[in-house]
Protein backbone atom coordinates (compact mmCIF):
# COMPACT_ATOMS: atom_id res chain seq x y z
CA MET A 1 80.65 29.95 305.51
CA LEU A 2 81.88 32.86 303.41
CA ASN A 3 85.25 34.51 303.82
CA GLY A 4 85.92 38.21 303.20
CA TYR A 5 86.15 37.63 299.45
CA GLY A 6 82.69 36.09 299.25
CA GLU A 7 84.17 32.62 298.78
CA GLY A 8 82.75 29.59 300.46
CA SER A 9 85.00 27.07 302.11
CA SER A 10 84.47 24.67 299.22
CA ILE A 11 86.51 23.12 296.46
CA ALA A 12 85.96 26.24 294.31
CA SER A 13 88.12 28.31 296.65
CA TYR A 14 91.07 26.07 295.82
CA GLY A 15 91.14 27.18 292.16
CA PRO A 16 92.57 30.64 292.91
CA ALA A 17 94.89 29.05 295.48
CA VAL A 18 96.41 26.73 292.86
CA LEU A 19 96.83 29.67 290.47
CA ARG A 20 98.38 31.80 293.23
CA LEU A 21 100.85 29.09 294.25
CA GLY A 22 101.88 28.42 290.65
CA LEU A 23 102.48 32.12 290.05
CA ALA A 24 104.45 32.31 293.30
CA VAL A 25 106.89 29.65 292.08
CA ILE A 26 107.43 31.53 288.79
CA PHE A 27 107.99 34.94 290.38
CA ILE A 28 110.15 33.67 293.27
CA SER A 29 112.34 31.83 290.77
CA HIS A 30 112.76 34.78 288.42
CA GLY A 31 113.24 37.18 291.33
CA ALA A 32 115.92 34.90 292.82
CA GLN A 33 117.74 34.90 289.48
CA LYS A 34 117.77 38.69 289.50
CA LEU A 35 118.48 39.09 293.20
CA PHE A 36 120.86 36.26 294.04
CA GLY A 37 122.17 35.11 290.67
CA ILE A 38 121.01 31.52 291.15
CA TRP A 39 119.52 29.18 288.51
CA GLY A 40 121.47 30.85 285.71
CA GLY A 41 120.56 34.39 286.69
CA GLY A 42 122.93 37.33 286.61
CA GLY A 43 122.27 38.60 290.11
CA LEU A 44 121.85 42.31 290.69
CA THR A 45 125.00 43.17 288.75
CA GLY A 46 124.02 41.15 285.68
CA THR A 47 120.45 42.40 285.82
CA ALA A 48 121.69 46.00 286.08
CA GLU A 49 123.97 45.48 283.07
CA GLY A 50 121.03 44.13 281.10
CA PHE A 51 118.87 47.07 282.12
CA SER A 52 121.63 49.46 281.12
CA ARG A 53 121.81 47.87 277.64
CA LEU A 54 118.06 48.46 277.36
CA GLY A 55 118.55 52.12 278.26
CA LEU A 56 116.96 51.82 281.69
CA GLU A 57 118.76 54.13 284.09
CA PRO A 58 119.64 54.19 286.94
CA SER A 59 120.08 50.55 286.04
CA TYR A 60 121.30 49.24 289.40
CA TRP A 61 118.40 50.68 291.40
CA LEU A 62 115.89 49.58 288.80
CA ALA A 63 117.40 46.08 288.99
CA VAL A 64 116.95 46.14 292.78
CA VAL A 65 113.31 47.24 292.41
CA ALA A 66 112.56 44.60 289.75
CA ALA A 67 114.23 41.84 291.78
CA VAL A 68 112.48 42.79 295.01
CA VAL A 69 109.09 43.13 293.32
CA GLU A 70 109.43 39.69 291.71
CA PHE A 71 110.96 37.86 294.67
CA GLY A 72 108.99 39.66 297.37
CA GLY A 73 105.77 39.63 295.35
CA GLY A 74 106.25 35.91 294.76
CA LEU A 75 106.71 35.31 298.49
CA LEU A 76 103.56 37.31 299.24
CA LEU A 77 101.64 35.25 296.66
CA LEU A 78 103.00 32.06 298.23
CA LEU A 79 101.66 33.12 301.63
CA GLY A 80 98.50 34.64 300.22
CA ALA A 81 99.34 37.82 302.10
CA PHE A 82 98.55 41.22 300.61
CA THR A 83 97.67 39.34 297.44
CA SER A 84 96.00 42.24 295.64
CA PRO A 85 98.82 44.79 296.09
CA ALA A 86 101.43 42.15 295.23
CA ALA A 87 99.53 41.09 292.11
CA LEU A 88 99.08 44.71 291.04
CA LEU A 89 102.82 45.44 291.38
CA LEU A 90 103.65 42.30 289.42
CA VAL A 91 101.16 43.25 286.68
CA LEU A 92 102.82 46.66 286.39
CA GLU A 93 106.26 45.07 286.18
CA MET A 94 105.10 42.68 283.44
CA VAL A 95 103.56 45.57 281.48
CA VAL A 96 106.91 47.38 281.65
CA ALA A 97 108.71 44.20 280.55
CA ILE A 98 106.40 43.91 277.55
CA TRP A 99 106.74 47.59 276.68
CA VAL A 100 110.52 47.79 277.02
CA VAL A 101 111.69 44.32 275.95
CA HIS A 102 109.14 42.13 274.19
CA LEU A 103 106.64 44.26 272.26
CA SER A 104 108.90 44.86 269.28
CA LYS A 105 109.54 41.10 269.00
CA GLY A 106 105.92 40.15 268.47
CA PHE A 107 103.52 38.02 270.45
CA PHE A 108 104.94 34.51 270.22
CA LEU A 109 107.74 32.93 272.20
CA PRO A 110 110.68 32.60 272.42
CA ASP A 111 111.23 36.39 272.36
CA GLY A 112 107.69 37.78 272.21
CA TYR A 113 105.41 38.80 275.03
CA GLU A 114 103.20 35.70 275.11
CA PHE A 115 104.49 34.51 278.52
CA ASN A 116 104.29 37.97 280.11
CA PHE A 117 100.75 38.36 278.76
CA THR A 118 99.77 35.02 280.31
CA LEU A 119 101.21 36.09 283.66
CA ILE A 120 99.28 39.37 283.50
CA VAL A 121 96.01 37.55 282.79
CA ALA A 122 96.62 35.14 285.67
CA LEU A 123 97.48 37.98 288.07
CA ILE A 124 94.36 39.92 287.06
CA SER A 125 92.36 36.77 287.74
CA LEU A 126 93.74 36.77 291.29
CA LEU A 127 92.90 40.46 291.64
CA LEU A 128 89.29 39.69 290.69
CA THR A 129 88.79 36.46 292.65
CA GLY A 130 90.97 36.92 295.71
CA PRO A 131 93.66 34.56 296.95
CA GLY A 132 91.49 31.51 297.48
CA ALA A 133 91.97 28.91 300.16
CA LEU A 134 95.10 28.46 302.26
CA SER A 135 95.92 32.16 302.37
CA LEU A 136 96.66 34.64 305.11
CA ASP A 137 94.38 37.17 303.39
CA ALA A 138 91.37 34.84 303.60
CA ARG A 139 92.19 34.03 307.22
CA ARG A 140 92.50 37.71 308.09
CA ALA A 141 89.22 38.48 306.30
CA SER A 142 87.34 35.70 308.10
CA HIS A 143 88.66 36.96 311.45
CA ALA A 144 87.57 40.50 310.58
CA ALA A 145 84.10 39.25 309.60
CA ALA A 146 83.79 37.29 312.85
CA ALA A 147 84.89 40.31 314.88
CA ALA A 148 82.37 42.52 313.09
CA ALA A 149 79.60 39.99 313.76
CA GLY A 150 80.61 39.90 317.43
CA ARG A 151 80.47 43.69 317.67
CA ALA A 152 77.03 43.67 316.05
CA ARG A 153 75.79 41.11 318.61
CA LEU A 154 77.15 43.29 321.44
CA ARG A 155 75.43 46.40 320.08
CA ALA A 156 72.15 44.49 319.75
CA GLY A 157 72.52 43.08 323.27
CA ASN A 158 72.57 39.49 322.00
CA VAL A 159 75.64 38.37 323.89
């Protein structure tokens, strides 16, 4: 049986799910650092101060946006809900991070954009494949497909 992303309910649909869940852990963790100041993060105040040093103004509101996109986007990835919009927002945030912070420091870690680039590639993979198994998006798509099939049977008189 195919879901709305053209995926069968087979082992192959678990590949994107594993990728999605791994990305969720990364973005929830980094978002929580920015938002709540846990795990060595600076919270909104520390993030805003860092943004201000980078010349990003209004730094506090940009810190709020960055924190919410990372934490909220990570939660959406975890649930597999609105996966494409969440992934797109996270890609945009990582592009900005590369442009503003990491590009001048080269490709390789510890200060380059290698990690951000990897996250972008993984997020684009999710955009192209869908959320995979164990996701609210796949569940919603399969319900929509079943409802459409039911309406088609009604129209054809095959009830």
